[in-house]
Amino acid sequence: MLPFLNYYMSVAGLGNFQDEEVEFIFNRDMIINESEILSTLNNLGVRISQETLLSQVPWIDDVKKEMDNIKKEGEEAIDLYGNSFRELRQDEGIEEKDHVE
């Protein structure tokens, strides 16, 4: 398919894209209700990994990078809020060793 597109672009005077790297994305023409499918799977007790769910999001190209970003944001939130709780316990006179989780 790429040779035909390259030929068309050059004949139409739209430029030479011979050495450009391209990625073709084909979408199915069949209409599906993804929400209904996910609800059904959830009702059946099927667990789907976060990685699989993220791979289905059309605007996420790099799932591993997105998962790393989510993990980093979670760690930042723990740092932010974890210190707040530590300060609150100290203000109330509760020692870290007295705290039972």
PDB file of N, CA and C in Angstrom:
ATOM      1  N   MET A   1       0.812  -1.175   0.000  1.00  0.00           N
ATOM      2  CA  MET A   1       0.000   0.000   0.000  1.00  0.00           C
ATOM      3  C   MET A   1       0.869   1.258   0.000  1.00  0.00           C
ATOM      4  N   LEU A   2       1.965   1.221   0.734  1.00  0.00           N
ATOM      5  CA  LEU A   2       2.848   2.385   0.828  1.00  0.00           C
ATOM      6  C   LEU A   2       3.413   2.808  -0.532  1.00  0.00           C
ATOM      7  N   PRO A   3       3.833   1.879  -1.402  1.00  0.00           N
ATOM      8  CA  PRO A   3       4.321   2.312  -2.710  1.00  0.00           C
ATOM      9  C   PRO A   3       3.267   3.070  -3.517  1.00  0.00           C
ATOM     10  N   PHE A   4       2.022   2.658  -3.425  1.00  0.00           N
ATOM     11  CA  PHE A   4       0.949   3.359  -4.138  1.00  0.00           C
ATOM     12  C   PHE A   4       0.757   4.773  -3.594  1.00  0.00           C
ATOM     13  N   LEU A   5       0.806   4.890  -2.273  1.00  0.00           N
ATOM     14  CA  LEU A   5       0.662   6.218  -1.671  1.00  0.00           C
ATOM     15  C   LEU A   5       1.837   7.122  -2.042  1.00  0.00           C
ATOM     16  N   ASN A   6       3.041   6.580  -2.004  1.00  0.00           N
ATOM     17  CA  ASN A   6       4.211   7.370  -2.384  1.00  0.00           C
ATOM     18  C   ASN A   6       4.110   7.829  -3.840  1.00  0.00           C
ATOM     19  N   TYR A   7       3.673   6.939  -4.712  1.00  0.00           N
ATOM     20  CA  TYR A   7       3.518   7.287  -6.127  1.00  0.00           C
ATOM     21  C   TYR A   7       2.468   8.375  -6.298  1.00  0.00           C
ATOM     22  N   TYR A   8       1.322   8.223  -5.625  1.00  0.00           N
ATOM     23  CA  TYR A   8       0.257   9.220  -5.722  1.00  0.00           C
ATOM     24  C   TYR A   8       0.745  10.590  -5.236  1.00  0.00           C
ATOM     25  N   MET A   9       1.442  10.605  -4.113  1.00  0.00           N
ATOM     26  CA  MET A   9       1.929  11.879  -3.557  1.00  0.00           C
ATOM     27  C   MET A   9       2.898  12.560  -4.515  1.00  0.00           C
ATOM     28  N   SER A  10       3.777  11.786  -5.134  1.00  0.00           N
ATOM     29  CA  SER A  10       4.742  12.404  -6.047  1.00  0.00           C
ATOM     30  C   SER A  10       4.065  12.882  -7.323  1.00  0.00           C
ATOM     31  N   VAL A  11       3.118  12.107  -7.865  1.00  0.00           N
ATOM     32  CA  VAL A  11       2.415  12.503  -9.086  1.00  0.00           C
ATOM     33  C   VAL A  11       1.528  13.720  -8.831  1.00  0.00           C
ATOM     34  N   ALA A  12       0.902  13.774  -7.654  1.00  0.00           N
ATOM     35  CA  ALA A  12       0.007  14.887  -7.329  1.00  0.00           C
ATOM     36  C   ALA A  12       0.783  16.131  -6.908  1.00  0.00           C
ATOM     37  N   GLY A  13       2.095  16.019  -6.814  1.00  0.00           N
ATOM     38  CA  GLY A  13       2.909  17.168  -6.424  1.00  0.00           C
ATOM     39  C   GLY A  13       2.815  17.508  -4.950  1.00  0.00           C
ATOM     40  N   LEU A  14       2.497  16.522  -4.133  1.00  0.00           N
ATOM     41  CA  LEU A  14       2.347  16.746  -2.699  1.00  0.00           C
ATOM     42  C   LEU A  14       3.636  16.503  -1.925  1.00  0.00           C
ATOM     43  N   GLY A  15       4.691  16.111  -2.604  1.00  0.00           N
ATOM     44  CA  GLY A  15       5.973  15.908  -1.940  1.00  0.00           C
ATOM     45  C   GLY A  15       6.468  14.483  -2.090  1.00  0.00           C
ATOM     46  N   ASN A  16       7.719  14.299  -1.727  1.00  0.00           N
ATOM     47  CA  ASN A  16       8.344  12.984  -1.779  1.00  0.00           C
ATOM     48  C   ASN A  16       8.495  12.478  -0.343  1.00  0.00           C
ATOM     49  N   PHE A  17       7.773  11.427  -0.046  1.00  0.00           N
ATOM     50  CA  PHE A  17       7.796  10.871   1.304  1.00  0.00           C
ATOM     51  C   PHE A  17       8.400   9.467   1.296  1.00  0.00           C
ATOM     52  N   GLN A  18       9.260   9.203   0.331  1.00  0.00           N
ATOM     53  CA  GLN A  18       9.849   7.886   0.121  1.00  0.00           C
ATOM     54  C   GLN A  18      10.585   7.376   1.360  1.00  0.00           C
ATOM     55  N   ASP A  19      11.343   8.237   2.031  1.00  0.00           N
ATOM     56  CA  ASP A  19      12.176   7.795   3.155  1.00  0.00           C
ATOM     57  C   ASP A  19      11.521   8.021   4.518  1.00  0.00           C
ATOM     58  N   GLU A  20      10.275   8.446   4.531  1.00  0.00           N
ATOM     59  CA  GLU A  20       9.580   8.691   5.795  1.00  0.00           C
ATOM     60  C   GLU A  20       9.074   7.385   6.393  1.00  0.00           C
ATOM     61  N   GLU A  21       9.176   7.269   7.703  1.00  0.00           N
ATOM     62  CA  GLU A  21       8.663   6.094   8.394  1.00  0.00           C
ATOM     63  C   GLU A  21       7.186   6.341   8.703  1.00  0.00           C
ATOM     64  N   VAL A  22       6.355   5.395   8.360  1.00  0.00           N
ATOM     65  CA  VAL A  22       4.921   5.533   8.596  1.00  0.00           C
ATOM     66  C   VAL A  22       4.396   4.313   9.342  1.00  0.00           C
ATOM     67  N   GLU A  23       3.293   4.518  10.026  1.00  0.00           N
ATOM     68  CA  GLU A  23       2.626   3.432  10.739  1.00  0.00           C
ATOM     69  C   GLU A  23       1.161   3.448  10.322  1.00  0.00           C
ATOM     70  N   PHE A  24       0.711   2.359   9.754  1.00  0.00           N
ATOM     71  CA  PHE A  24      -0.678   2.255   9.341  1.00  0.00           C
ATOM     72  C   PHE A  24      -1.497   1.717  10.505  1.00  0.00           C
ATOM     73  N   ILE A  25      -2.604   2.366  10.769  1.00  0.00           N
ATOM     74  CA  ILE A  25      -3.521   1.918  11.809  1.00  0.00           C
ATOM     75  C   ILE A  25      -4.863   1.639  11.147  1.00  0.00           C
ATOM     76  N   PHE A  26      -5.285   0.391  11.201  1.00  0.00           N
ATOM     77  CA  PHE A  26      -6.555   0.011  10.608  1.00  0.00           C
ATOM     78  C   PHE A  26      -7.572  -0.195  11.721  1.00  0.00           C
ATOM     79  N   ASN A  27      -8.689   0.482  11.604  1.00  0.00           N
ATOM     80  CA  ASN A  27      -9.774   0.332  12.561  1.00  0.00           C
ATOM     81  C   ASN A  27     -10.873  -0.516  11.934  1.00  0.00           C
ATOM     82  N   ARG A  28     -11.479  -1.338  12.731  1.00  0.00           N
ATOM     83  CA  ARG A  28     -12.581  -2.149  12.235  1.00  0.00           C
ATOM     84  C   ARG A  28     -13.787  -1.260  11.966  1.00  0.00           C
ATOM     85  N   ASP A  29     -14.539  -1.614  10.967  1.00  0.00           N
ATOM     86  CA  ASP A  29     -15.744  -0.863  10.642  1.00  0.00           C
ATOM     87  C   ASP A  29     -16.956  -1.371  11.416  1.00  0.00           C
ATOM     88  N   MET A  30     -16.769  -2.447  12.162  1.00  0.00           N
ATOM     89  CA  MET A  30     -17.878  -3.006  12.917  1.00  0.00           C
ATOM     90  C   MET A  30     -18.097  -2.175  14.185  1.00  0.00           C
ATOM     91  N   ILE A  31     -19.328  -1.754  14.388  1.00  0.00           N
ATOM     92  CA  ILE A  31     -19.650  -0.967  15.573  1.00  0.00           C
ATOM     93  C   ILE A  31     -19.834  -1.912  16.751  1.00  0.00           C
ATOM     94  N   ILE A  32     -19.132  -1.620  17.843  1.00  0.00           N
ATOM     95  CA  ILE A  32     -19.277  -2.412  19.057  1.00  0.00           C
ATOM     96  C   ILE A  32     -19.479  -1.472  20.234  1.00  0.00           C
ATOM     97  N   ASN A  33     -20.165  -1.956  21.223  1.00  0.00           N
ATOM     98  CA  ASN A  33     -20.393  -1.190  22.435  1.00  0.00           C
ATOM     99  C   ASN A  33     -19.367  -1.658  23.469  1.00  0.00           C
ATOM    100  N   GLU A  34     -18.253  -0.949  23.541  1.00  0.00           N
ATOM    101  CA  GLU A  34     -17.159  -1.346  24.429  1.00  0.00           C
ATOM    102  C   GLU A  34     -17.575  -1.275  25.890  1.00  0.00           C
ATOM    103  N   SER A  35     -18.396  -0.305  26.222  1.00  0.00           N
ATOM    104  CA  SER A  35     -18.866  -0.162  27.597  1.00  0.00           C
ATOM    105  C   SER A  35     -19.671  -1.386  28.028  1.00  0.00           C
ATOM    106  N   GLU A  36     -20.526  -1.865  27.129  1.00  0.00           N
ATOM    107  CA  GLU A  36     -21.333  -3.050  27.429  1.00  0.00           C
ATOM    108  C   GLU A  36     -20.446  -4.282  27.603  1.00  0.00           C
ATOM    109  N   ILE A  37     -19.445  -4.410  26.759  1.00  0.00           N
ATOM    110  CA  ILE A  37     -18.527  -5.551  26.864  1.00  0.00           C
ATOM    111  C   ILE A  37     -17.785  -5.523  28.195  1.00  0.00           C
ATOM    112  N   LEU A  38     -17.279  -4.346  28.575  1.00  0.00           N
ATOM    113  CA  LEU A  38     -16.554  -4.228  29.844  1.00  0.00           C
ATOM    114  C   LEU A  38     -17.474  -4.491  31.034  1.00  0.00           C
ATOM    115  N   SER A  39     -18.717  -4.007  30.967  1.00  0.00           N
ATOM    116  CA  SER A  39     -19.683  -4.258  32.049  1.00  0.00           C
ATOM    117  C   SER A  39     -19.976  -5.750  32.181  1.00  0.00           C
ATOM    118  N   THR A  40     -20.138  -6.418  31.054  1.00  0.00           N
ATOM    119  CA  THR A  40     -20.402  -7.853  31.065  1.00  0.00           C
ATOM    120  C   THR A  40     -19.225  -8.617  31.668  1.00  0.00           C
ATOM    121  N   LEU A  41     -18.022  -8.257  31.239  1.00  0.00           N
ATOM    122  CA  LEU A  41     -16.828  -8.920  31.787  1.00  0.00           C
ATOM    123  C   LEU A  41     -16.720  -8.683  33.289  1.00  0.00           C
ATOM    124  N   ASN A  42     -16.993  -7.452  33.705  1.00  0.00           N
ATOM    125  CA  ASN A  42     -16.929  -7.117  35.125  1.00  0.00           C
ATOM    126  C   ASN A  42     -17.967  -7.910  35.911  1.00  0.00           C
ATOM    127  N   ASN A  43     -19.190  -8.026  35.377  1.00  0.00           N
ATOM    128  CA  ASN A  43     -20.246  -8.790  36.047  1.00  0.00           C
ATOM    129  C   ASN A  43     -19.912 -10.277  36.130  1.00  0.00           C
ATOM    130  N   LEU A  44     -19.139 -10.768  35.179  1.00  0.00           N
ATOM    131  CA  LEU A  44     -18.724 -12.164  35.196  1.00  0.00           C
ATOM    132  C   LEU A  44     -17.526 -12.406  36.109  1.00  0.00           C
ATOM    133  N   GLY A  45     -16.988 -11.335  36.667  1.00  0.00           N
ATOM    134  CA  GLY A  45     -15.856 -11.468  37.574  1.00  0.00           C
ATOM    135  C   GLY A  45     -14.515 -11.526  36.881  1.00  0.00           C
ATOM    136  N   VAL A  46     -14.486 -11.154  35.607  1.00  0.00           N
ATOM    137  CA  VAL A  46     -13.226 -11.177  34.864  1.00  0.00           C
ATOM    138  C   VAL A  46     -12.412  -9.950  35.253  1.00  0.00           C
ATOM    139  N   ARG A  47     -11.166 -10.190  35.610  1.00  0.00           N
ATOM    140  CA  ARG A  47     -10.266  -9.080  35.949  1.00  0.00           C
ATOM    141  C   ARG A  47      -9.375  -8.805  34.745  1.00  0.00           C
ATOM    142  N   ILE A  48      -9.242  -7.522  34.419  1.00  0.00           N
ATOM    143  CA  ILE A  48      -8.413  -7.116  33.292  1.00  0.00           C
ATOM    144  C   ILE A  48      -7.286  -6.259  33.838  1.00  0.00           C
ATOM    145  N   SER A  49      -6.068  -6.554  33.402  1.00  0.00           N
ATOM    146  CA  SER A  49      -4.917  -5.818  33.912  1.00  0.00           C
ATOM    147  C   SER A  49      -4.950  -4.364  33.461  1.00  0.00           C
ATOM    148  N   GLN A  50      -4.306  -3.524  34.248  1.00  0.00           N
ATOM    149  CA  GLN A  50      -4.205  -2.098  33.923  1.00  0.00           C
ATOM    150  C   GLN A  50      -3.499  -1.914  32.578  1.00  0.00           C
ATOM    151  N   GLU A  51      -2.510  -2.745  32.316  1.00  0.00           N
ATOM    152  CA  GLU A  51      -1.768  -2.661  31.057  1.00  0.00           C
ATOM    153  C   GLU A  51      -2.675  -2.937  29.858  1.00  0.00           C
ATOM    154  N   THR A  52      -3.524  -3.954  29.979  1.00  0.00           N
ATOM    155  CA  THR A  52      -4.453  -4.279  28.896  1.00  0.00           C
ATOM    156  C   THR A  52      -5.446  -3.155  28.678  1.00  0.00           C
ATOM    157  N   LEU A  53      -5.976  -2.611  29.769  1.00  0.00           N
ATOM    158  CA  LEU A  53      -6.927  -1.510  29.646  1.00  0.00           C
ATOM    159  C   LEU A  53      -6.282  -0.301  28.970  1.00  0.00           C
ATOM    160  N   LEU A  54      -5.061   0.034  29.388  1.00  0.00           N
ATOM    161  CA  LEU A  54      -4.376   1.189  28.797  1.00  0.00           C
ATOM    162  C   LEU A  54      -4.046   0.954  27.327  1.00  0.00           C
ATOM    163  N   SER A  55      -3.803  -0.295  26.953  1.00  0.00           N
ATOM    164  CA  SER A  55      -3.478  -0.573  25.550  1.00  0.00           C
ATOM    165  C   SER A  55      -4.673  -0.345  24.631  1.00  0.00           C
ATOM    166  N   GLN A  56      -5.870  -0.300  25.195  1.00  0.00           N
ATOM    167  CA  GLN A  56      -7.074  -0.076  24.400  1.00  0.00           C
ATOM    168  C   GLN A  56      -7.407   1.398  24.212  1.00  0.00           C
ATOM    169  N   VAL A  57      -6.693   2.283  24.907  1.00  0.00           N
ATOM    170  CA  VAL A  57      -6.936   3.721  24.779  1.00  0.00           C
ATOM    171  C   VAL A  57      -6.230   4.210  23.514  1.00  0.00           C
ATOM    172  N   PRO A  58      -6.995   4.765  22.568  1.00  0.00           N
ATOM    173  CA  PRO A  58      -6.413   5.090  21.262  1.00  0.00           C
ATOM    174  C   PRO A  58      -5.307   6.144  21.288  1.00  0.00           C
ATOM    175  N   TRP A  59      -5.311   7.054  22.233  1.00  0.00           N
ATOM    176  CA  TRP A  59      -4.302   8.111  22.211  1.00  0.00           C
ATOM    177  C   TRP A  59      -3.082   7.795  23.071  1.00  0.00           C
ATOM    178  N   ILE A  60      -3.002   6.587  23.612  1.00  0.00           N
ATOM    179  CA  ILE A  60      -1.811   6.155  24.349  1.00  0.00           C
ATOM    180  C   ILE A  60      -1.010   5.247  23.426  1.00  0.00           C
ATOM    181  N   ASP A  61       0.154   5.741  22.978  1.00  0.00           N
ATOM    182  CA  ASP A  61       1.004   4.970  22.073  1.00  0.00           C
ATOM    183  C   ASP A  61       1.973   4.062  22.821  1.00  0.00           C
ATOM    184  N   ASP A  62       2.455   4.518  23.976  1.00  0.00           N
ATOM    185  CA  ASP A  62       3.456   3.772  24.729  1.00  0.00           C
ATOM    186  C   ASP A  62       2.874   3.407  26.097  1.00  0.00           C
ATOM    187  N   VAL A  63       2.343   2.199  26.211  1.00  0.00           N
ATOM    188  CA  VAL A  63       1.671   1.766  27.433  1.00  0.00           C
ATOM    189  C   VAL A  63       2.642   1.694  28.600  1.00  0.00           C
ATOM    190  N   LYS A  64       3.843   1.165  28.361  1.00  0.00           N
ATOM    191  CA  LYS A  64       4.835   1.052  29.444  1.00  0.00           C
ATOM    192  C   LYS A  64       5.173   2.432  30.015  1.00  0.00           C
ATOM    193  N   LYS A  65       5.354   3.410  29.135  1.00  0.00           N
ATOM    194  CA  LYS A  65       5.657   4.777  29.585  1.00  0.00           C
ATOM    195  C   LYS A  65       4.500   5.337  30.400  1.00  0.00           C
ATOM    196  N   GLU A  66       3.282   5.090  29.951  1.00  0.00           N
ATOM    197  CA  GLU A  66       2.105   5.570  30.676  1.00  0.00           C
ATOM    198  C   GLU A  66       2.007   4.916  32.055  1.00  0.00           C
ATOM    199  N   MET A  67       2.300   3.617  32.133  1.00  0.00           N
ATOM    200  CA  MET A  67       2.275   2.932  33.423  1.00  0.00           C
ATOM    201  C   MET A  67       3.356   3.475  34.354  1.00  0.00           C
ATOM    202  N   ASP A  68       4.527   3.801  33.795  1.00  0.00           N
ATOM    203  CA  ASP A  68       5.588   4.410  34.598  1.00  0.00           C
ATOM    204  C   ASP A  68       5.150   5.776  35.114  1.00  0.00           C
ATOM    205  N   ASN A  69       4.465   6.545  34.253  1.00  0.00           N
ATOM    206  CA  ASN A  69       3.972   7.868  34.673  1.00  0.00           C
ATOM    207  C   ASN A  69       2.942   7.740  35.791  1.00  0.00           C
ATOM    208  N   ILE A  70       2.052   6.763  35.699  1.00  0.00           N
ATOM    209  CA  ILE A  70       1.042   6.551  36.736  1.00  0.00           C
ATOM    210  C   ILE A  70       1.718   6.172  38.050  1.00  0.00           C
ATOM    211  N   LYS A  71       2.712   5.292  37.966  1.00  0.00           N
ATOM    212  CA  LYS A  71       3.435   4.872  39.171  1.00  0.00           C
ATOM    213  C   LYS A  71       4.160   6.060  39.805  1.00  0.00           C
ATOM    214  N   LYS A  72       4.788   6.885  38.973  1.00  0.00           N
ATOM    215  CA  LYS A  72       5.510   8.057  39.467  1.00  0.00           C
ATOM    216  C   LYS A  72       4.554   9.034  40.150  1.00  0.00           C
ATOM    217  N   GLU A  73       3.379   9.268  39.538  1.00  0.00           N
ATOM    218  CA  GLU A  73       2.396  10.163  40.148  1.00  0.00           C
ATOM    219  C   GLU A  73       1.917   9.615  41.485  1.00  0.00           C
ATOM    220  N   GLY A  74       1.733   8.294  41.569  1.00  0.00           N
ATOM    221  CA  GLY A  74       1.314   7.678  42.823  1.00  0.00           C
ATOM    222  C   GLY A  74       2.369   7.843  43.910  1.00  0.00           C
ATOM    223  N   GLU A  75       3.629   7.668  43.522  1.00  0.00           N
ATOM    224  CA  GLU A  75       4.717   7.840  44.492  1.00  0.00           C
ATOM    225  C   GLU A  75       4.810   9.285  44.960  1.00  0.00           C
ATOM    226  N   GLU A  76       4.601  10.229  44.043  1.00  0.00           N
ATOM    227  CA  GLU A  76       4.623  11.643  44.417  1.00  0.00           C
ATOM    228  C   GLU A  76       3.480  11.960  45.369  1.00  0.00           C
ATOM    229  N   ALA A  77       2.308  11.369  45.141  1.00  0.00           N
ATOM    230  CA  ALA A  77       1.164  11.598  46.021  1.00  0.00           C
ATOM    231  C   ALA A  77       1.435  11.012  47.407  1.00  0.00           C
ATOM    232  N   ILE A  78       2.062   9.832  47.432  1.00  0.00           N
ATOM    233  CA  ILE A  78       2.400   9.224  48.722  1.00  0.00           C
ATOM    234  C   ILE A  78       3.383  10.109  49.467  1.00  0.00           C
ATOM    235  N   ASP A  79       4.388  10.615  48.761  1.00  0.00           N
ATOM    236  CA  ASP A  79       5.352  11.509  49.396  1.00  0.00           C
ATOM    237  C   ASP A  79       4.658  12.750  49.940  1.00  0.00           C
ATOM    238  N   LEU A  80       3.779  13.321  49.145  1.00  0.00           N
ATOM    239  CA  LEU A  80       3.089  14.542  49.539  1.00  0.00           C
ATOM    240  C   LEU A  80       2.183  14.297  50.730  1.00  0.00           C
ATOM    241  N   TYR A  81       1.304  13.308  50.625  1.00  0.00           N
ATOM    242  CA  TYR A  81       0.339  13.064  51.681  1.00  0.00           C
ATOM    243  C   TYR A  81       0.929  12.269  52.835  1.00  0.00           C
ATOM    244  N   GLY A  82       1.896  11.418  52.555  1.00  0.00           N
ATOM    245  CA  GLY A  82       2.531  10.651  53.623  1.00  0.00           C
ATOM    246  C   GLY A  82       3.209  11.561  54.636  1.00  0.00           C
ATOM    247  N   ASN A  83       3.870  12.593  54.140  1.00  0.00           N
ATOM    248  CA  ASN A  83       4.507  13.553  55.038  1.00  0.00           C
ATOM    249  C   ASN A  83       3.467  14.324  55.832  1.00  0.00           C
ATOM    250  N   SER A  84       2.331  14.606  55.237  1.00  0.00           N
ATOM    251  CA  SER A  84       1.266  15.329  55.942  1.00  0.00           C
ATOM    252  C   SER A  84       0.763  14.519  57.119  1.00  0.00           C
ATOM    253  N   PHE A  85       0.550  13.208  56.910  1.00  0.00           N
ATOM    254  CA  PHE A  85       0.065  12.375  57.997  1.00  0.00           C
ATOM    255  C   PHE A  85       1.120  12.218  59.084  1.00  0.00           C
ATOM    256  N   ARG A  86       2.361  12.142  58.677  1.00  0.00           N
ATOM    257  CA  ARG A  86       3.443  12.034  59.652  1.00  0.00           C
ATOM    258  C   ARG A  86       3.474  13.285  60.526  1.00  0.00           C
ATOM    259  N   GLU A  87       3.333  14.464  59.896  1.00  0.00           N
ATOM    260  CA  GLU A  87       3.317  15.719  60.654  1.00  0.00           C
ATOM    261  C   GLU A  87       2.097  15.784  61.561  1.00  0.00           C
ATOM    262  N   LEU A  88       0.942  15.298  61.110  1.00  0.00           N
ATOM    263  CA  LEU A  88      -0.270  15.298  61.911  1.00  0.00           C
ATOM    264  C   LEU A  88      -0.090  14.416  63.139  1.00  0.00           C
ATOM    265  N   ARG A  89       0.502  13.234  62.958  1.00  0.00           N
ATOM    266  CA  ARG A  89       0.725  12.343  64.091  1.00  0.00           C
ATOM    267  C   ARG A  89       1.693  12.977  65.088  1.00  0.00           C
ATOM    268  N   GLN A  90       2.709  13.663  64.595  1.00  0.00           N
ATOM    269  CA  GLN A  90       3.659  14.318  65.486  1.00  0.00           C
ATOM    270  C   GLN A  90       2.996  15.458  66.247  1.00  0.00           C
ATOM    271  N   ASP A  91       2.100  16.197  65.574  1.00  0.00           N
ATOM    272  CA  ASP A  91       1.387  17.286  66.239  1.00  0.00           C
ATOM    273  C   ASP A  91       0.489  16.758  67.349  1.00  0.00           C
ATOM    274  N   GLU A  92      -0.032  15.544  67.178  1.00  0.00           N
ATOM    275  CA  GLU A  92      -0.904  14.951  68.185  1.00  0.00           C
ATOM    276  C   GLU A  92      -0.117  14.174  69.238  1.00  0.00           C
ATOM    277  N   GLY A  93       1.198  14.174  69.126  1.00  0.00           N
ATOM    278  CA  GLY A  93       2.035  13.496  70.103  1.00  0.00           C
ATOM    279  C   GLY A  93       2.115  11.990  69.904  1.00  0.00           C
ATOM    280  N   ILE A  94       1.779  11.521  68.730  1.00  0.00           N
ATOM    281  CA  ILE A  94       1.837  10.086  68.452  1.00  0.00           C
ATOM    282  C   ILE A  94       3.193   9.776  67.842  1.00  0.00           C
ATOM    283  N   GLU A  95       3.891   8.841  68.451  1.00  0.00           N
ATOM    284  CA  GLU A  95       5.192   8.433  67.948  1.00  0.00           C
ATOM    285  C   GLU A  95       4.998   7.493  66.767  1.00  0.00           C
ATOM    286  N   GLU A  96       5.958   7.509  65.840  1.00  0.00           N
ATOM    287  CA  GLU A  96       5.901   6.604  64.679  1.00  0.00           C
ATOM    288  C   GLU A  96       5.844   5.146  65.133  1.00  0.00           C
ATOM    289  N   LYS A  97       6.585   4.786  66.186  1.00  0.00           N
ATOM    290  CA  LYS A  97       6.605   3.399  66.630  1.00  0.00           C
ATOM    291  C   LYS A  97       5.307   2.996  67.309  1.00  0.00           C
ATOM    292  N   ASP A  98       4.523   3.997  67.811  1.00  0.00           N
ATOM    293  CA  ASP A  98       3.237   3.713  68.443  1.00  0.00           C
ATOM    294  C   ASP A  98       2.152   3.453  67.413  1.00  0.00           C
ATOM    295  N   HIS A  99       2.402   3.862  66.185  1.00  0.00           N
ATOM    296  CA  HIS A  99       1.384   3.748  65.141  1.00  0.00           C
ATOM    297  C   HIS A  99       1.287   2.319  64.644  1.00  0.00           C
ATOM    298  N   VAL A 100       0.099   1.756  64.690  1.00  0.00           N
ATOM    299  CA  VAL A 100      -0.134   0.395  64.238  1.00  0.00           C
ATOM    300  C   VAL A 100      -0.949   0.467  62.955  1.00  0.00           C
ATOM    301  N   GLU A 101      -0.491  -0.218  61.920  1.00  0.00           N
ATOM    302  CA  GLU A 101      -1.218  -0.210  60.645  1.00  0.00           C
ATOM    303  C   GLU A 101      -2.089  -1.413  60.519  1.00  0.00           C
TER     304      GLU A 101
END
